[in-house]
Amino acid sequence: MLCQCSSDKRPARLSESLETIELAWVNWACDCPDWIETRLARDSAEIDPGQCIYLEAGAPGLQVPNEFYTAGHFSQALRLTGRFYQTPGIPAGYEPKTTGKIEPGRVFRYEKIDIINR
């Protein structure tokens, strides 16, 4: 089921800066941002939830493959090119994991996705 979030929780304006970032998946058991830049995950044994982000595909067909979530995330990362939204929110197409509150966070809208080996 897709998130039926009110428009005030959806970020609206994209930054002008095109960026390429490398991300690892954090399997949180909550409705909160669950991706972190690999450079931040390497710096510490513990992940700071405040540094995690949501992803939003910029076009149909750009979703993270299911195989990544089932096994790939152990040895792979994502390299994405896109833009951050200027304000925190909840991305379009977010699929809640629970029936609880969905936490807003930084959202990266990507236009290119590559799966890379770590």
PDB file of N, CA and C in Angstrom:
ATOM      1  N   MET A   1       0.837  -1.177   0.000  1.00  0.00           N
ATOM      2  CA  MET A   1       0.000   0.000   0.000  1.00  0.00           C
ATOM      3  C   MET A   1       0.886   1.246   0.000  1.00  0.00           C
ATOM      4  N   LEU A   2       0.653   2.142  -0.913  1.00  0.00           N
ATOM      5  CA  LEU A   2       1.418   3.380  -0.990  1.00  0.00           C
ATOM      6  C   LEU A   2       0.947   4.366   0.062  1.00  0.00           C
ATOM      7  N   CYS A   3       1.865   5.200   0.472  1.00  0.00           N
ATOM      8  CA  CYS A   3       1.551   6.215   1.476  1.00  0.00           C
ATOM      9  C   CYS A   3       0.564   7.227   0.908  1.00  0.00           C
ATOM     10  N   GLN A   4      -0.491   7.487   1.636  1.00  0.00           N
ATOM     11  CA  GLN A   4      -1.473   8.500   1.257  1.00  0.00           C
ATOM     12  C   GLN A   4      -1.190   9.759   2.082  1.00  0.00           C
ATOM     13  N   CYS A   5       0.023  10.256   1.987  1.00  0.00           N
ATOM     14  CA  CYS A   5       0.463  11.377   2.812  1.00  0.00           C
ATOM     15  C   CYS A   5      -0.143  12.676   2.334  1.00  0.00           C
ATOM     16  N   SER A   6      -0.432  13.535   3.287  1.00  0.00           N
ATOM     17  CA  SER A   6      -0.949  14.847   2.918  1.00  0.00           C
ATOM     18  C   SER A   6       0.141  15.632   2.207  1.00  0.00           C
ATOM     19  N   SER A   7      -0.259  16.581   1.393  1.00  0.00           N
ATOM     20  CA  SER A   7       0.688  17.348   0.586  1.00  0.00           C
ATOM     21  C   SER A   7       1.663  18.141   1.441  1.00  0.00           C
ATOM     22  N   ASP A   8       1.314  18.451   2.685  1.00  0.00           N
ATOM     23  CA  ASP A   8       2.245  19.209   3.524  1.00  0.00           C
ATOM     24  C   ASP A   8       3.410  18.351   4.012  1.00  0.00           C
ATOM     25  N   LYS A   9       3.339  17.038   3.833  1.00  0.00           N
ATOM     26  CA  LYS A   9       4.451  16.168   4.211  1.00  0.00           C
ATOM     27  C   LYS A   9       5.320  15.798   3.019  1.00  0.00           C
ATOM     28  N   ARG A  10       4.916  16.198   1.834  1.00  0.00           N
ATOM     29  CA  ARG A  10       5.673  15.899   0.626  1.00  0.00           C
ATOM     30  C   ARG A  10       6.604  17.057   0.299  1.00  0.00           C
ATOM     31  N   PRO A  11       7.894  16.787   0.084  1.00  0.00           N
ATOM     32  CA  PRO A  11       8.785  17.875  -0.295  1.00  0.00           C
ATOM     33  C   PRO A  11       8.418  18.390  -1.678  1.00  0.00           C
ATOM     34  N   ALA A  12       8.664  19.672  -1.932  1.00  0.00           N
ATOM     35  CA  ALA A  12       8.200  20.253  -3.190  1.00  0.00           C
ATOM     36  C   ALA A  12       9.318  20.718  -4.119  1.00  0.00           C
ATOM     37  N   ARG A  13      10.349  21.325  -3.595  1.00  0.00           N
ATOM     38  CA  ARG A  13      11.368  21.926  -4.464  1.00  0.00           C
ATOM     39  C   ARG A  13      12.669  21.152  -4.428  1.00  0.00           C
ATOM     40  N   LEU A  14      13.157  20.837  -5.623  1.00  0.00           N
ATOM     41  CA  LEU A  14      14.443  20.154  -5.740  1.00  0.00           C
ATOM     42  C   LEU A  14      15.575  21.168  -5.742  1.00  0.00           C
ATOM     43  N   SER A  15      16.704  20.769  -5.220  1.00  0.00           N
ATOM     44  CA  SER A  15      17.901  21.600  -5.273  1.00  0.00           C
ATOM     45  C   SER A  15      18.343  21.710  -6.731  1.00  0.00           C
ATOM     46  N   GLU A  16      19.126  22.708  -7.036  1.00  0.00           N
ATOM     47  CA  GLU A  16      19.626  22.878  -8.404  1.00  0.00           C
ATOM     48  C   GLU A  16      20.861  22.024  -8.651  1.00  0.00           C
ATOM     49  N   SER A  17      21.490  21.543  -7.586  1.00  0.00           N
ATOM     50  CA  SER A  17      22.744  20.794  -7.693  1.00  0.00           C
ATOM     51  C   SER A  17      22.503  19.323  -7.993  1.00  0.00           C
ATOM     52  N   LEU A  18      23.023  18.866  -9.120  1.00  0.00           N
ATOM     53  CA  LEU A  18      22.987  17.451  -9.468  1.00  0.00           C
ATOM     54  C   LEU A  18      24.125  16.768  -8.717  1.00  0.00           C
ATOM     55  N   GLU A  19      23.813  15.686  -8.016  1.00  0.00           N
ATOM     56  CA  GLU A  19      24.809  14.988  -7.202  1.00  0.00           C
ATOM     57  C   GLU A  19      24.804  13.504  -7.517  1.00  0.00           C
ATOM     58  N   THR A  20      25.949  12.876  -7.290  1.00  0.00           N
ATOM     59  CA  THR A  20      26.048  11.420  -7.330  1.00  0.00           C
ATOM     60  C   THR A  20      26.456  10.979  -5.943  1.00  0.00           C
ATOM     61  N   ILE A  21      25.644  10.090  -5.352  1.00  0.00           N
ATOM     62  CA  ILE A  21      25.909   9.609  -4.002  1.00  0.00           C
ATOM     63  C   ILE A  21      25.908   8.087  -3.992  1.00  0.00           C
ATOM     64  N   GLU A  22      26.630   7.512  -3.026  1.00  0.00           N
ATOM     65  CA  GLU A  22      26.679   6.067  -2.861  1.00  0.00           C
ATOM     66  C   GLU A  22      25.996   5.736  -1.538  1.00  0.00           C
ATOM     67  N   LEU A  23      25.038   4.807  -1.596  1.00  0.00           N
ATOM     68  CA  LEU A  23      24.213   4.518  -0.425  1.00  0.00           C
ATOM     69  C   LEU A  23      24.205   3.050  -0.030  1.00  0.00           C
ATOM     70  N   ALA A  24      24.072   2.837   1.276  1.00  0.00           N
ATOM     71  CA  ALA A  24      23.847   1.510   1.836  1.00  0.00           C
ATOM     72  C   ALA A  24      22.456   1.505   2.454  1.00  0.00           C
ATOM     73  N   TRP A  25      21.829   0.345   2.459  1.00  0.00           N
ATOM     74  CA  TRP A  25      20.484   0.196   3.020  1.00  0.00           C
ATOM     75  C   TRP A  25      20.586  -0.133   4.494  1.00  0.00           C
ATOM     76  N   VAL A  26      19.768   0.534   5.287  1.00  0.00           N
ATOM     77  CA  VAL A  26      19.654   0.265   6.718  1.00  0.00           C
ATOM     78  C   VAL A  26      18.265  -0.340   6.918  1.00  0.00           C
ATOM     79  N   ASN A  27      18.203  -1.540   7.421  1.00  0.00           N
ATOM     80  CA  ASN A  27      16.927  -2.236   7.551  1.00  0.00           C
ATOM     81  C   ASN A  27      16.251  -1.867   8.869  1.00  0.00           C
ATOM     82  N   TRP A  28      15.811  -0.605   8.984  1.00  0.00           N
ATOM     83  CA  TRP A  28      15.086  -0.175  10.174  1.00  0.00           C
ATOM     84  C   TRP A  28      13.718  -0.861  10.189  1.00  0.00           C
ATOM     85  N   ALA A  29      13.160  -1.049  11.343  1.00  0.00           N
ATOM     86  CA  ALA A  29      11.832  -1.653  11.478  1.00  0.00           C
ATOM     87  C   ALA A  29      10.790  -0.577  11.753  1.00  0.00           C
ATOM     88  N   CYS A  30      11.013   0.604  11.206  1.00  0.00           N
ATOM     89  CA  CYS A  30      10.086   1.716  11.417  1.00  0.00           C
ATOM     90  C   CYS A  30       9.840   2.406  10.079  1.00  0.00           C
ATOM     91  N   ASP A  31       8.886   3.309  10.061  1.00  0.00           N
ATOM     92  CA  ASP A  31       8.639   4.111   8.865  1.00  0.00           C
ATOM     93  C   ASP A  31       9.455   5.393   8.984  1.00  0.00           C
ATOM     94  N   CYS A  32      10.718   5.243   8.622  1.00  0.00           N
ATOM     95  CA  CYS A  32      11.664   6.346   8.707  1.00  0.00           C
ATOM     96  C   CYS A  32      12.672   6.184   7.568  1.00  0.00           C
ATOM     97  N   PRO A  33      13.480   7.195   7.294  1.00  0.00           N
ATOM     98  CA  PRO A  33      14.468   7.085   6.212  1.00  0.00           C
ATOM     99  C   PRO A  33      15.393   5.892   6.445  1.00  0.00           C
ATOM    100  N   ASP A  34      15.630   5.097   5.408  1.00  0.00           N
ATOM    101  CA  ASP A  34      16.412   3.882   5.610  1.00  0.00           C
ATOM    102  C   ASP A  34      17.581   3.694   4.644  1.00  0.00           C
ATOM    103  N   TRP A  35      18.159   4.801   4.207  1.00  0.00           N
ATOM    104  CA  TRP A  35      19.375   4.771   3.380  1.00  0.00           C
ATOM    105  C   TRP A  35      20.386   5.733   3.994  1.00  0.00           C
ATOM    106  N   ILE A  36      21.665   5.345   3.919  1.00  0.00           N
ATOM    107  CA  ILE A  36      22.720   6.212   4.434  1.00  0.00           C
ATOM    108  C   ILE A  36      23.877   6.206   3.447  1.00  0.00           C
ATOM    109  N   GLU A  37      24.517   7.358   3.316  1.00  0.00           N
ATOM    110  CA  GLU A  37      25.673   7.430   2.440  1.00  0.00           C
ATOM    111  C   GLU A  37      26.753   6.518   2.997  1.00  0.00           C
ATOM    112  N   THR A  38      27.386   5.732   2.134  1.00  0.00           N
ATOM    113  CA  THR A  38      28.381   4.760   2.582  1.00  0.00           C
ATOM    114  C   THR A  38      29.542   5.444   3.292  1.00  0.00           C
ATOM    115  N   ARG A  39      29.883   6.657   2.896  1.00  0.00           N
ATOM    116  CA  ARG A  39      30.984   7.362   3.565  1.00  0.00           C
ATOM    117  C   ARG A  39      30.643   7.649   5.023  1.00  0.00           C
ATOM    118  N   LEU A  40      29.382   7.849   5.341  1.00  0.00           N
ATOM    119  CA  LEU A  40      28.964   8.092   6.724  1.00  0.00           C
ATOM    120  C   LEU A  40      28.878   6.798   7.512  1.00  0.00           C
ATOM    121  N   ALA A  41      28.481   5.727   6.858  1.00  0.00           N
ATOM    122  CA  ALA A  41      28.356   4.441   7.536  1.00  0.00           C
ATOM    123  C   ALA A  41      29.730   3.884   7.899  1.00  0.00           C
ATOM    124  N   ARG A  42      30.758   4.220   7.129  1.00  0.00           N
ATOM    125  CA  ARG A  42      32.108   3.735   7.406  1.00  0.00           C
ATOM    126  C   ARG A  42      32.756   4.449   8.577  1.00  0.00           C
ATOM    127  N   ASP A  43      32.338   5.693   8.820  1.00  0.00           N
ATOM    128  CA  ASP A  43      32.969   6.505   9.858  1.00  0.00           C
ATOM    129  C   ASP A  43      32.635   6.055  11.273  1.00  0.00           C
ATOM    130  N   SER A  44      31.607   5.264  11.437  1.00  0.00           N
ATOM    131  CA  SER A  44      31.155   4.917  12.772  1.00  0.00           C
ATOM    132  C   SER A  44      30.547   3.523  12.782  1.00  0.00           C
ATOM    133  N   ALA A  45      30.691   2.863  13.914  1.00  0.00           N
ATOM    134  CA  ALA A  45      30.076   1.542  14.053  1.00  0.00           C
ATOM    135  C   ALA A  45      28.560   1.675  14.208  1.00  0.00           C
ATOM    136  N   GLU A  46      28.108   2.815  14.716  1.00  0.00           N
ATOM    137  CA  GLU A  46      26.679   3.053  14.880  1.00  0.00           C
ATOM    138  C   GLU A  46      26.197   4.062  13.856  1.00  0.00           C
ATOM    139  N   ILE A  47      25.012   3.830  13.335  1.00  0.00           N
ATOM    140  CA  ILE A  47      24.440   4.729  12.325  1.00  0.00           C
ATOM    141  C   ILE A  47      23.558   5.751  13.022  1.00  0.00           C
ATOM    142  N   ASP A  48      23.745   6.997  12.667  1.00  0.00           N
ATOM    143  CA  ASP A  48      22.924   8.080  13.200  1.00  0.00           C
ATOM    144  C   ASP A  48      21.665   8.178  12.346  1.00  0.00           C
ATOM    145  N   PRO A  49      20.484   7.868  12.894  1.00  0.00           N
ATOM    146  CA  PRO A  49      19.253   7.934  12.103  1.00  0.00           C
ATOM    147  C   PRO A  49      19.021   9.310  11.473  1.00  0.00           C
ATOM    148  N   GLY A  50      19.544  10.352  12.088  1.00  0.00           N
ATOM    149  CA  GLY A  50      19.386  11.695  11.537  1.00  0.00           C
ATOM    150  C   GLY A  50      20.137  11.921  10.240  1.00  0.00           C
ATOM    151  N   GLN A  51      21.057  11.024   9.903  1.00  0.00           N
ATOM    152  CA  GLN A  51      21.813  11.135   8.654  1.00  0.00           C
ATOM    153  C   GLN A  51      21.216  10.280   7.542  1.00  0.00           C
ATOM    154  N   CYS A  52      20.176   9.532   7.846  1.00  0.00           N
ATOM    155  CA  CYS A  52      19.556   8.656   6.844  1.00  0.00           C
ATOM    156  C   CYS A  52      18.605   9.444   5.946  1.00  0.00           C
ATOM    157  N   ILE A  53      18.378   8.915   4.758  1.00  0.00           N
ATOM    158  CA  ILE A  53      17.542   9.601   3.767  1.00  0.00           C
ATOM    159  C   ILE A  53      16.539   8.622   3.149  1.00  0.00           C
ATOM    160  N   TYR A  54      15.502   9.190   2.553  1.00  0.00           N
ATOM    161  CA  TYR A  54      14.552   8.447   1.729  1.00  0.00           C
ATOM    162  C   TYR A  54      15.000   8.543   0.271  1.00  0.00           C
ATOM    163  N   LEU A  55      14.545   7.596  -0.538  1.00  0.00           N
ATOM    164  CA  LEU A  55      14.770   7.641  -1.982  1.00  0.00           C
ATOM    165  C   LEU A  55      13.445   7.811  -2.703  1.00  0.00           C
ATOM    166  N   GLU A  56      13.502   8.509  -3.833  1.00  0.00           N
ATOM    167  CA  GLU A  56      12.343   8.671  -4.702  1.00  0.00           C
ATOM    168  C   GLU A  56      12.818   8.497  -6.139  1.00  0.00           C
ATOM    169  N   ALA A  57      12.261   7.512  -6.829  1.00  0.00           N
ATOM    170  CA  ALA A  57      12.616   7.284  -8.233  1.00  0.00           C
ATOM    171  C   ALA A  57      12.082   8.430  -9.087  1.00  0.00           C
ATOM    172  N   GLY A  58      12.912   8.915  -9.989  1.00  0.00           N
ATOM    173  CA  GLY A  58      12.525  10.028 -10.849  1.00  0.00           C
ATOM    174  C   GLY A  58      11.668   9.606 -12.028  1.00  0.00           C
ATOM    175  N   ALA A  59      11.570   8.304 -12.279  1.00  0.00           N
ATOM    176  CA  ALA A  59      10.780   7.809 -13.403  1.00  0.00           C
ATOM    177  C   ALA A  59      10.396   6.348 -13.137  1.00  0.00           C
ATOM    178  N   PRO A  60       9.293   5.890 -13.739  1.00  0.00           N
ATOM    179  CA  PRO A  60       8.921   4.477 -13.598  1.00  0.00           C
ATOM    180  C   PRO A  60      10.057   3.588 -14.122  1.00  0.00           C
ATOM    181  N   GLY A  61      10.268   2.470 -13.485  1.00  0.00           N
ATOM    182  CA  GLY A  61      11.315   1.553 -13.918  1.00  0.00           C
ATOM    183  C   GLY A  61      12.664   1.791 -13.266  1.00  0.00           C
ATOM    184  N   LEU A  62      12.789   2.835 -12.460  1.00  0.00           N
ATOM    185  CA  LEU A  62      14.057   3.126 -11.791  1.00  0.00           C
ATOM    186  C   LEU A  62      14.095   2.613 -10.350  1.00  0.00           C
ATOM    187  N   GLN A  63      13.123   1.844  -9.935  1.00  0.00           N
ATOM    188  CA  GLN A  63      13.075   1.370  -8.565  1.00  0.00           C
ATOM    189  C   GLN A  63      14.264   0.457  -8.257  1.00  0.00           C
ATOM    190  N   VAL A  64      14.610   0.387  -6.989  1.00  0.00           N
ATOM    191  CA  VAL A  64      15.650  -0.533  -6.530  1.00  0.00           C
ATOM    192  C   VAL A  64      15.111  -1.944  -6.717  1.00  0.00           C
ATOM    193  N   PRO A  65      15.866  -2.826  -7.378  1.00  0.00           N
ATOM    194  CA  PRO A  65      15.380  -4.194  -7.599  1.00  0.00           C
ATOM    195  C   PRO A  65      15.142  -4.945  -6.291  1.00  0.00           C
ATOM    196  N   ASN A  66      14.121  -5.779  -6.244  1.00  0.00           N
ATOM    197  CA  ASN A  66      13.813  -6.565  -5.045  1.00  0.00           C
ATOM    198  C   ASN A  66      14.990  -7.426  -4.601  1.00  0.00           C
ATOM    199  N   GLU A  67      15.775  -7.934  -5.546  1.00  0.00           N
ATOM    200  CA  GLU A  67      16.920  -8.775  -5.214  1.00  0.00           C
ATOM    201  C   GLU A  67      17.921  -8.041  -4.336  1.00  0.00           C
ATOM    202  N   PHE A  68      18.006  -6.729  -4.492  1.00  0.00           N
ATOM    203  CA  PHE A  68      18.921  -5.951  -3.661  1.00  0.00           C
ATOM    204  C   PHE A  68      18.523  -6.067  -2.193  1.00  0.00           C
ATOM    205  N   TYR A  69      17.224  -5.962  -1.920  1.00  0.00           N
ATOM    206  CA  TYR A  69      16.747  -6.017  -0.540  1.00  0.00           C
ATOM    207  C   TYR A  69      16.887  -7.409   0.078  1.00  0.00           C
ATOM    208  N   THR A  70      16.742  -8.464  -0.719  1.00  0.00           N
ATOM    209  CA  THR A  70      16.774  -9.813  -0.163  1.00  0.00           C
ATOM    210  C   THR A  70      18.192 -10.323   0.081  1.00  0.00           C
ATOM    211  N   ALA A  71      19.142  -9.961  -0.762  1.00  0.00           N
ATOM    212  CA  ALA A  71      20.503 -10.473  -0.574  1.00  0.00           C
ATOM    213  C   ALA A  71      21.586  -9.476  -0.980  1.00  0.00           C
ATOM    214  N   GLY A  72      21.338  -8.693  -1.988  1.00  0.00           N
ATOM    215  CA  GLY A  72      22.370  -7.821  -2.542  1.00  0.00           C
ATOM    216  C   GLY A  72      22.941  -6.811  -1.569  1.00  0.00           C
ATOM    217  N   HIS A  73      22.114  -6.323  -0.648  1.00  0.00           N
ATOM    218  CA  HIS A  73      22.578  -5.260   0.250  1.00  0.00           C
ATOM    219  C   HIS A  73      23.727  -5.696   1.154  1.00  0.00           C
ATOM    220  N   PHE A  74      23.962  -7.001   1.285  1.00  0.00           N
ATOM    221  CA  PHE A  74      25.074  -7.474   2.102  1.00  0.00           C
ATOM    222  C   PHE A  74      26.424  -7.167   1.447  1.00  0.00           C
ATOM    223  N   SER A  75      26.473  -7.175   0.131  1.00  0.00           N
ATOM    224  CA  SER A  75      27.743  -6.985  -0.565  1.00  0.00           C
ATOM    225  C   SER A  75      27.705  -5.872  -1.610  1.00  0.00           C
ATOM    226  N   GLN A  76      26.577  -5.190  -1.718  1.00  0.00           N
ATOM    227  CA  GLN A  76      26.437  -4.166  -2.745  1.00  0.00           C
ATOM    228  C   GLN A  76      25.948  -2.848  -2.144  1.00  0.00           C
ATOM    229  N   ALA A  77      26.100  -1.804  -2.934  1.00  0.00           N
ATOM    230  CA  ALA A  77      25.600  -0.479  -2.573  1.00  0.00           C
ATOM    231  C   ALA A  77      24.953   0.105  -3.828  1.00  0.00           C
ATOM    232  N   LEU A  78      24.274   1.213  -3.662  1.00  0.00           N
ATOM    233  CA  LEU A  78      23.686   1.908  -4.802  1.00  0.00           C
ATOM    234  C   LEU A  78      24.496   3.164  -5.095  1.00  0.00           C
ATOM    235  N   ARG A  79      24.711   3.441  -6.359  1.00  0.00           N
ATOM    236  CA  ARG A  79      25.274   4.723  -6.783  1.00  0.00           C
ATOM    237  C   ARG A  79      24.155   5.414  -7.557  1.00  0.00           C
ATOM    238  N   LEU A  80      23.701   6.537  -7.030  1.00  0.00           N
ATOM    239  CA  LEU A  80      22.565   7.251  -7.595  1.00  0.00           C
ATOM    240  C   LEU A  80      22.968   8.658  -8.006  1.00  0.00           C
ATOM    241  N   THR A  81      22.374   9.115  -9.088  1.00  0.00           N
ATOM    242  CA  THR A  81      22.570  10.494  -9.534  1.00  0.00           C
ATOM    243  C   THR A  81      21.213  11.178  -9.527  1.00  0.00           C
ATOM    244  N   GLY A  82      21.156  12.330  -8.895  1.00  0.00           N
ATOM    245  CA  GLY A  82      19.901  13.068  -8.794  1.00  0.00           C
ATOM    246  C   GLY A  82      20.061  14.309  -7.944  1.00  0.00           C
ATOM    247  N   ARG A  83      18.966  14.694  -7.297  1.00  0.00           N
ATOM    248  CA  ARG A  83      18.934  15.923  -6.501  1.00  0.00           C
ATOM    249  C   ARG A  83      18.195  15.687  -5.191  1.00  0.00           C
ATOM    250  N   PHE A  84      18.648  16.370  -4.148  1.00  0.00           N
ATOM    251  CA  PHE A  84      17.920  16.371  -2.888  1.00  0.00           C
ATOM    252  C   PHE A  84      16.793  17.385  -2.959  1.00  0.00           C
ATOM    253  N   TYR A  85      15.687  17.083  -2.306  1.00  0.00           N
ATOM    254  CA  TYR A  85      14.659  18.095  -2.102  1.00  0.00           C
ATOM    255  C   TYR A  85      15.195  19.074  -1.067  1.00  0.00           C
ATOM    256  N   GLN A  86      14.750  20.314  -1.147  1.00  0.00           N
ATOM    257  CA  GLN A  86      15.261  21.360  -0.268  1.00  0.00           C
ATOM    258  C   GLN A  86      14.723  21.267   1.154  1.00  0.00           C
ATOM    259  N   THR A  87      13.596  20.604   1.340  1.00  0.00           N
ATOM    260  CA  THR A  87      13.022  20.468   2.677  1.00  0.00           C
ATOM    261  C   THR A  87      12.743  18.994   2.965  1.00  0.00           C
ATOM    262  N   PRO A  88      12.771  18.594   4.235  1.00  0.00           N
ATOM    263  CA  PRO A  88      12.453  17.211   4.585  1.00  0.00           C
ATOM    264  C   PRO A  88      10.988  16.894   4.273  1.00  0.00           C
ATOM    265  N   GLY A  89      10.709  15.629   4.109  1.00  0.00           N
ATOM    266  CA  GLY A  89       9.337  15.202   3.849  1.00  0.00           C
ATOM    267  C   GLY A  89       9.271  13.700   3.694  1.00  0.00           C
ATOM    268  N   ILE A  90       8.239  13.249   3.011  1.00  0.00           N
ATOM    269  CA  ILE A  90       8.022  11.838   2.726  1.00  0.00           C
ATOM    270  C   ILE A  90       7.919  11.703   1.203  1.00  0.00           C
ATOM    271  N   PRO A  91       8.704  10.816   0.606  1.00  0.00           N
ATOM    272  CA  PRO A  91       8.748  10.745  -0.855  1.00  0.00           C
ATOM    273  C   PRO A  91       7.475  10.189  -1.487  1.00  0.00           C
ATOM    274  N   ALA A  92       7.260  10.577  -2.731  1.00  0.00           N
ATOM    275  CA  ALA A  92       6.159  10.012  -3.512  1.00  0.00           C
ATOM    276  C   ALA A  92       6.392   8.511  -3.640  1.00  0.00           C
ATOM    277  N   GLY A  93       5.333   7.737  -3.506  1.00  0.00           N
ATOM    278  CA  GLY A  93       5.430   6.293  -3.673  1.00  0.00           C
ATOM    279  C   GLY A  93       5.974   5.542  -2.476  1.00  0.00           C
ATOM    280  N   TYR A  94       6.133   6.211  -1.342  1.00  0.00           N
ATOM    281  CA  TYR A  94       6.653   5.523  -0.158  1.00  0.00           C
ATOM    282  C   TYR A  94       5.674   4.444   0.297  1.00  0.00           C
ATOM    283  N   GLU A  95       6.196   3.248   0.547  1.00  0.00           N
ATOM    284  CA  GLU A  95       5.370   2.133   1.011  1.00  0.00           C
ATOM    285  C   GLU A  95       5.620   1.910   2.500  1.00  0.00           C
ATOM    286  N   PRO A  96       4.647   2.248   3.352  1.00  0.00           N
ATOM    287  CA  PRO A  96       4.831   2.083   4.803  1.00  0.00           C
ATOM    288  C   PRO A  96       5.078   0.627   5.190  1.00  0.00           C
ATOM    289  N   LYS A  97       5.905   0.456   6.233  1.00  0.00           N
ATOM    290  CA  LYS A  97       6.189  -0.877   6.773  1.00  0.00           C
ATOM    291  C   LYS A  97       5.268  -1.198   7.943  1.00  0.00           C
ATOM    292  N   THR A  98       4.748  -0.166   8.585  1.00  0.00           N
ATOM    293  CA  THR A  98       3.921  -0.345   9.779  1.00  0.00           C
ATOM    294  C   THR A  98       2.656   0.505   9.639  1.00  0.00           C
ATOM    295  N   THR A  99       1.844   0.474  10.646  1.00  0.00           N
ATOM    296  CA  THR A  99       0.657   1.332  10.662  1.00  0.00           C
ATOM    297  C   THR A  99       0.898   2.564  11.526  1.00  0.00           C
ATOM    298  N   GLY A 100       2.144   2.739  11.975  1.00  0.00           N
ATOM    299  CA  GLY A 100       2.490   3.880  12.826  1.00  0.00           C
ATOM    300  C   GLY A 100       2.752   5.147  12.028  1.00  0.00           C
ATOM    301  N   LYS A 101       3.261   6.131  12.735  1.00  0.00           N
ATOM    302  CA  LYS A 101       3.569   7.434  12.150  1.00  0.00           C
ATOM    303  C   LYS A 101       4.758   7.322  11.198  1.00  0.00           C
ATOM    304  N   ILE A 102       4.660   7.992  10.063  1.00  0.00           N
ATOM    305  CA  ILE A 102       5.751   8.033   9.092  1.00  0.00           C
ATOM    306  C   ILE A 102       6.586   9.272   9.391  1.00  0.00           C
ATOM    307  N   GLU A 103       7.878   9.051   9.637  1.00  0.00           N
ATOM    308  CA  GLU A 103       8.771  10.140   9.984  1.00  0.00           C
ATOM    309  C   GLU A 103       9.282  10.852   8.728  1.00  0.00           C
ATOM    310  N   PRO A 104       9.116  12.170   8.632  1.00  0.00           N
ATOM    311  CA  PRO A 104       9.699  12.919   7.514  1.00  0.00           C
ATOM    312  C   PRO A 104      11.229  12.876   7.587  1.00  0.00           C
ATOM    313  N   GLY A 105      11.876  13.038   6.458  1.00  0.00           N
ATOM    314  CA  GLY A 105      13.335  13.051   6.407  1.00  0.00           C
ATOM    315  C   GLY A 105      13.816  13.660   5.107  1.00  0.00           C
ATOM    316  N   ARG A 106      15.131  13.699   4.937  1.00  0.00           N
ATOM    317  CA  ARG A 106      15.701  14.176   3.677  1.00  0.00           C
ATOM    318  C   ARG A 106      15.306  13.198   2.576  1.00  0.00           C
ATOM    319  N   VAL A 107      15.019  13.735   1.393  1.00  0.00           N
ATOM    320  CA  VAL A 107      14.594  12.895   0.269  1.00  0.00           C
ATOM    321  C   VAL A 107      15.497  13.176  -0.925  1.00  0.00           C
ATOM    322  N   PHE A 108      16.036  12.098  -1.526  1.00  0.00           N
ATOM    323  CA  PHE A 108      16.869  12.189  -2.725  1.00  0.00           C
ATOM    324  C   PHE A 108      16.082  11.616  -3.893  1.00  0.00           C
ATOM    325  N   ARG A 109      15.829  12.449  -4.888  1.00  0.00           N
ATOM    326  CA  ARG A 109      15.121  12.012  -6.109  1.00  0.00           C
ATOM    327  C   ARG A 109      16.185  11.690  -7.153  1.00  0.00           C
ATOM    328  N   TYR A 110      16.240  10.430  -7.547  1.00  0.00           N
ATOM    329  CA  TYR A 110      17.309  10.013  -8.458  1.00  0.00           C
ATOM    330  C   TYR A 110      16.794   9.772  -9.875  1.00  0.00           C
ATOM    331  N   GLU A 111      17.689  10.026 -10.813  1.00  0.00           N
ATOM    332  CA  GLU A 111      17.409   9.849 -12.243  1.00  0.00           C
ATOM    333  C   GLU A 111      18.235   8.726 -12.852  1.00  0.00           C
ATOM    334  N   LYS A 112      19.245   8.286 -12.104  1.00  0.00           N
ATOM    335  CA  LYS A 112      20.126   7.214 -12.581  1.00  0.00           C
ATOM    336  C   LYS A 112      20.470   6.332 -11.399  1.00  0.00           C
ATOM    337  N   ILE A 113      20.447   5.023 -11.620  1.00  0.00           N
ATOM    338  CA  ILE A 113      20.763   4.072 -10.552  1.00  0.00           C
ATOM    339  C   ILE A 113      21.747   3.021 -11.074  1.00  0.00           C
ATOM    340  N   ASP A 114      22.784   2.769 -10.280  1.00  0.00           N
ATOM    341  CA  ASP A 114      23.728   1.700 -10.559  1.00  0.00           C
ATOM    342  C   ASP A 114      23.930   0.907  -9.286  1.00  0.00           C
ATOM    343  N   ILE A 115      23.963  -0.403  -9.406  1.00  0.00           N
ATOM    344  CA  ILE A 115      24.274  -1.250  -8.261  1.00  0.00           C
ATOM    345  C   ILE A 115      25.748  -1.596  -8.368  1.00  0.00           C
ATOM    346  N   ILE A 116      26.482  -1.353  -7.284  1.00  0.00           N
ATOM    347  CA  ILE A 116      27.921  -1.572  -7.297  1.00  0.00           C
ATOM    348  C   ILE A 116      28.315  -2.537  -6.180  1.00  0.00           C
ATOM    349  N   ASN A 117      29.409  -3.265  -6.379  1.00  0.00           N
ATOM    350  CA  ASN A 117      29.938  -4.161  -5.356  1.00  0.00           C
ATOM    351  C   ASN A 117      30.766  -3.349  -4.380  1.00  0.00           C
ATOM    352  N   ARG A 118      30.633  -3.695  -3.100  1.00  0.00           N
ATOM    353  CA  ARG A 118      31.426  -3.002  -2.074  1.00  0.00           C
ATOM    354  C   ARG A 118      32.724  -3.718  -1.853  1.00  0.00           C
TER     355      ARG A 118
END
